[in-house]
Amino acid sequence: MAVSVCGVSVHPGDLILGDDDGVFVVNPKQAEAIGLKALEKQHREAAKRKELGYTHFG
């Protein structure tokens, strides 16, 4: 049975993830694709920080 948290449906087995941008719910069947997109975003952000000279972010 699903529950609603602040208007978001959470189903048994869903993954609950969080980062600096917030918390979100991921269906396990979509986890790999979403994870790959998240890694791409992380790499783009790191490259942009490096380009702008923000070296203290790793």
C-alpha atoms as a PDB file:
ATOM      1  CA  MET A   1       0.000   0.000   0.000  1.00  0.00           C
ATOM      2  CA  ALA A   2       1.327   3.444  -0.918  1.00  0.00           C
ATOM      3  CA  VAL A   3       1.494   6.350   1.481  1.00  0.00           C
ATOM      4  CA  SER A   4       1.517  10.029   0.678  1.00  0.00           C
ATOM      5  CA  VAL A   5       4.195  12.284   2.149  1.00  0.00           C
ATOM      6  CA  CYS A   6       3.658  15.972   1.416  1.00  0.00           C
ATOM      7  CA  GLY A   7       1.718  15.005  -1.718  1.00  0.00           C
ATOM      8  CA  VAL A   8       4.300  12.503  -2.993  1.00  0.00           C
ATOM      9  CA  SER A   9       3.299   8.844  -3.264  1.00  0.00           C
ATOM     10  CA  VAL A  10       5.761   6.415  -1.698  1.00  0.00           C
ATOM     11  CA  HIS A  11       5.322   2.731  -2.507  1.00  0.00           C
ATOM     12  CA  PRO A  12       6.817  -0.275  -0.724  1.00  0.00           C
ATOM     13  CA  GLY A  13      10.313  -0.866  -2.079  1.00  0.00           C
ATOM     14  CA  ASP A  14      10.816   2.715  -3.275  1.00  0.00           C
ATOM     15  CA  LEU A  15      14.201   4.249  -2.662  1.00  0.00           C
ATOM     16  CA  ILE A  16      14.326   7.500  -0.705  1.00  0.00           C
ATOM     17  CA  LEU A  17      17.348   9.587  -1.692  1.00  0.00           C
ATOM     18  CA  GLY A  18      18.615  12.995  -0.769  1.00  0.00           C
ATOM     19  CA  ASP A  19      21.349  15.416  -1.745  1.00  0.00           C
ATOM     20  CA  ASP A  20      22.010  19.147  -1.612  1.00  0.00           C
ATOM     21  CA  ASP A  21      19.044  19.684  -3.948  1.00  0.00           C
ATOM     22  CA  GLY A  22      16.507  17.894  -1.737  1.00  0.00           C
ATOM     23  CA  VAL A  23      14.910  14.520  -1.045  1.00  0.00           C
ATOM     24  CA  PHE A  24      13.160  12.403  -3.644  1.00  0.00           C
ATOM     25  CA  VAL A  25      11.541   9.026  -4.214  1.00  0.00           C
ATOM     26  CA  VAL A  26      12.836   6.609  -6.867  1.00  0.00           C
ATOM     27  CA  ASN A  27      11.142   3.516  -8.182  1.00  0.00           C
ATOM     28  CA  PRO A  28      13.806   0.748  -8.030  1.00  0.00           C
ATOM     29  CA  LYS A  29      13.110  -0.127 -11.675  1.00  0.00           C
ATOM     30  CA  GLN A  30      14.256   3.388 -12.640  1.00  0.00           C
ATOM     31  CA  ALA A  31      17.147   3.665 -10.181  1.00  0.00           C
ATOM     32  CA  GLU A  32      19.985   2.850 -12.585  1.00  0.00           C
ATOM     33  CA  ALA A  33      18.864   5.338 -15.246  1.00  0.00           C
ATOM     34  CA  ILE A  34      18.264   8.059 -12.664  1.00  0.00           C
ATOM     35  CA  GLY A  35      21.598   7.303 -11.002  1.00  0.00           C
ATOM     36  CA  LEU A  36      23.445   7.694 -14.298  1.00  0.00           C
ATOM     37  CA  LYS A  37      21.732  11.037 -14.937  1.00  0.00           C
ATOM     38  CA  ALA A  38      22.626  12.168 -11.412  1.00  0.00           C
ATOM     39  CA  LEU A  39      26.284  11.274 -11.978  1.00  0.00           C
ATOM     40  CA  GLU A  40      26.290  13.198 -15.259  1.00  0.00           C
ATOM     41  CA  LYS A  41      24.842  16.223 -13.458  1.00  0.00           C
ATOM     42  CA  GLN A  42      27.440  15.918 -10.707  1.00  0.00           C
ATOM     43  CA  HIS A  43      30.263  15.833 -13.276  1.00  0.00           C
ATOM     44  CA  ARG A  44      28.868  18.869 -15.132  1.00  0.00           C
ATOM     45  CA  GLU A  45      28.607  20.806 -11.861  1.00  0.00           C
ATOM     46  CA  ALA A  46      32.181  19.854 -10.871  1.00  0.00           C
ATOM     47  CA  ALA A  47      33.479  20.955 -14.280  1.00  0.00           C
ATOM     48  CA  LYS A  48      31.628  24.268 -13.987  1.00  0.00           C
ATOM     49  CA  ARG A  49      33.048  24.866 -10.494  1.00  0.00           C
ATOM     50  CA  LYS A  50      36.541  24.138 -11.806  1.00  0.00           C
ATOM     51  CA  GLU A  51      35.974  26.462 -14.775  1.00  0.00           C
ATOM     52  CA  LEU A  52      34.913  29.231 -12.396  1.00  0.00           C
ATOM     53  CA  GLY A  53      37.860  28.625 -10.082  1.00  0.00           C
ATOM     54  CA  TYR A  54      36.005  27.125  -7.111  1.00  0.00           C
ATOM     55  CA  THR A  55      38.642  24.536  -6.275  1.00  0.00           C
ATOM     56  CA  HIS A  56      37.598  24.065  -2.620  1.00  0.00           C
ATOM     57  CA  PHE A  57      34.612  21.915  -3.707  1.00  0.00           C
ATOM     58  CA  GLY A  58      36.791  18.992  -4.764  1.00  0.00           C
END
